[in-house]
C-alpha cells in the first residue's frame, strides 16, 4: 500500500489513515515514530481517543491515552516489558506532540 507523499499517515492493522482521521471519533492507532517515541525506553507508542466532540469528532486532548508498546503490565510475564514511571517531566513533551499531531483540543 502506497502512502501519499504529503501525509504522515499512521498504520492501524495495515490500514493507512490520514492525520485528521487517525483519532477522530474515538479511534485508536500507533503514533508515528517521527512524531514521538517513549521517553523512557525509546519504543513506539499507541494512542486511544477516549472522548471527542460529538458534532465534529475532534479528539479532546485531555482524554488521549498514550501507551508504550514495551510497557510491562501487572499480568505480563516477568521478563516482558519495562516498568514505566510516567513522570510528567518526562512525558509532557510527548503528550503535547501527540495532541498536536492528532489535532486534538488543547483543553
Protein backbone atom coordinates (compact mmCIF):
# COMPACT_ATOMS: atom_id res chain seq x y z
CA UNK A 1 0.00 0.00 0.00
CA UNK A 2 1.44 3.36 -1.01
CA UNK A 3 1.37 6.26 1.39
CA UNK A 4 0.55 9.69 -0.05
CA UNK A 5 3.74 11.78 -0.17
CA UNK A 6 2.28 14.73 1.73
CA UNK A 7 0.60 12.75 4.52
CA UNK A 8 2.31 11.42 7.64
CA UNK A 9 -0.13 8.54 7.89
CA UNK A 10 -0.31 6.10 10.78
CA UNK A 11 -0.85 2.39 10.15
CA UNK A 12 -3.63 0.73 12.08
CA UNK A 13 -3.84 -3.00 11.43
CA UNK A 14 -2.39 -2.47 7.95
CA UNK A 15 -4.77 0.38 7.05
CA UNK A 16 -3.23 3.76 6.24
CA UNK A 17 -5.25 6.69 7.52
CA UNK A 18 -4.64 10.41 7.21
CA UNK A 19 -3.78 12.66 10.17
CA UNK A 20 -7.30 14.04 10.54
CA UNK A 21 -8.78 10.53 10.63
CA UNK A 22 -6.38 8.70 12.94
CA UNK A 23 -8.15 9.50 16.22
CA UNK A 24 -11.25 11.40 15.23
CA UNK A 25 -14.48 9.94 16.55
CA UNK A 26 -12.92 7.59 19.09
CA UNK A 27 -10.39 5.64 17.04
CA UNK A 28 -7.01 4.43 18.21
CA UNK A 29 -3.74 4.00 16.34
CA UNK A 30 0.02 3.77 16.50
CA UNK A 31 1.88 7.07 16.83
CA UNK A 32 4.39 7.54 14.00
CA UNK A 33 7.94 7.40 15.37
CA UNK A 34 8.59 10.71 13.59
CA UNK A 35 6.08 12.32 15.98
CA UNK A 36 7.08 10.75 19.31
CA UNK A 37 8.58 7.70 20.99
CA UNK A 38 8.58 6.60 24.59
CA UNK A 39 10.82 8.97 26.55
CA UNK A 40 11.69 6.19 29.00
CA UNK A 41 12.65 3.25 26.76
CA UNK A 42 12.53 4.55 23.17
CA UNK A 43 9.84 2.14 21.93
CA UNK A 44 6.82 3.03 19.79
CA UNK A 45 3.63 4.47 21.22
CA UNK A 46 -0.07 3.74 20.78
CA UNK A 47 -2.78 6.33 21.40
CA UNK A 48 -6.51 5.96 22.03
CA UNK A 49 -9.16 8.64 21.93
CA UNK A 50 -11.49 8.32 24.92
CA UNK A 51 -13.61 11.45 24.34
CA UNK A 52 -14.37 13.63 21.34
CA UNK A 53 -16.68 16.38 20.15
CA UNK A 54 -19.98 14.77 19.15
CA UNK A 55 -20.55 17.14 16.24
CA UNK A 56 -17.10 17.14 14.65
CA UNK A 57 -15.39 14.03 16.04
CA UNK A 58 -12.36 16.11 17.08
CA UNK A 59 -10.49 14.39 19.93
CA UNK A 60 -10.38 16.04 23.35
CA UNK A 61 -6.71 16.50 24.16
CA UNK A 62 -7.17 15.76 27.86
CA UNK A 63 -8.73 12.39 27.01
CA UNK A 64 -6.00 10.87 24.86
CA UNK A 65 -4.48 7.75 26.37
CA UNK A 66 -0.87 7.19 25.32
CA UNK A 67 0.71 3.79 25.96
CA UNK A 68 4.17 2.41 25.24
CA UNK A 69 4.27 -0.89 23.36
CA UNK A 70 7.03 -2.03 25.72
CA UNK A 71 5.25 -1.20 28.97
CA UNK A 72 5.01 -4.01 31.47
CA UNK A 73 1.51 -4.68 32.78
CA UNK A 74 0.67 -6.38 36.06
CA UNK A 75 -0.40 -9.61 34.33
CA UNK A 76 2.61 -9.85 31.95
CA UNK A 77 5.38 -12.40 32.27
CA UNK A 78 8.26 -11.35 34.50
CA UNK A 79 10.69 -10.94 31.58
CA UNK A 80 8.34 -8.93 29.40
CA UNK A 81 8.41 -5.20 29.08
CA UNK A 82 9.73 -2.31 31.05
CA UNK A 83 8.13 -0.70 34.09
CA UNK A 84 7.46 2.95 33.33
CA UNK A 85 7.49 5.80 35.85
CA UNK A 86 5.18 8.13 33.87
CA UNK A 87 6.71 11.28 35.38
CA UNK A 88 5.13 14.36 33.85
CA UNK A 89 8.58 15.89 33.44
CA UNK A 90 9.46 13.00 31.10
CA UNK A 91 6.16 12.71 29.27
CA UNK A 92 4.77 16.25 28.82
CA UNK A 93 6.63 16.93 25.56
CA UNK A 94 5.37 13.59 24.19
CA UNK A 95 1.78 14.35 25.21
CA UNK A 96 1.98 17.80 23.61
CA UNK A 97 3.41 16.39 20.36
CA UNK A 98 0.72 13.68 20.12
CA UNK A 99 -2.05 16.19 20.84
CA UNK A 100 -0.77 18.48 18.10
CA UNK A 101 -0.40 15.58 15.64
CA UNK A 102 -3.95 14.41 16.41
CA UNK A 103 -5.30 17.94 16.02
CA UNK A 104 -6.91 17.45 19.44
CA UNK A 105 -8.35 20.21 21.55
CA UNK A 106 -5.79 21.56 23.99
CA UNK A 107 -8.13 21.71 26.98
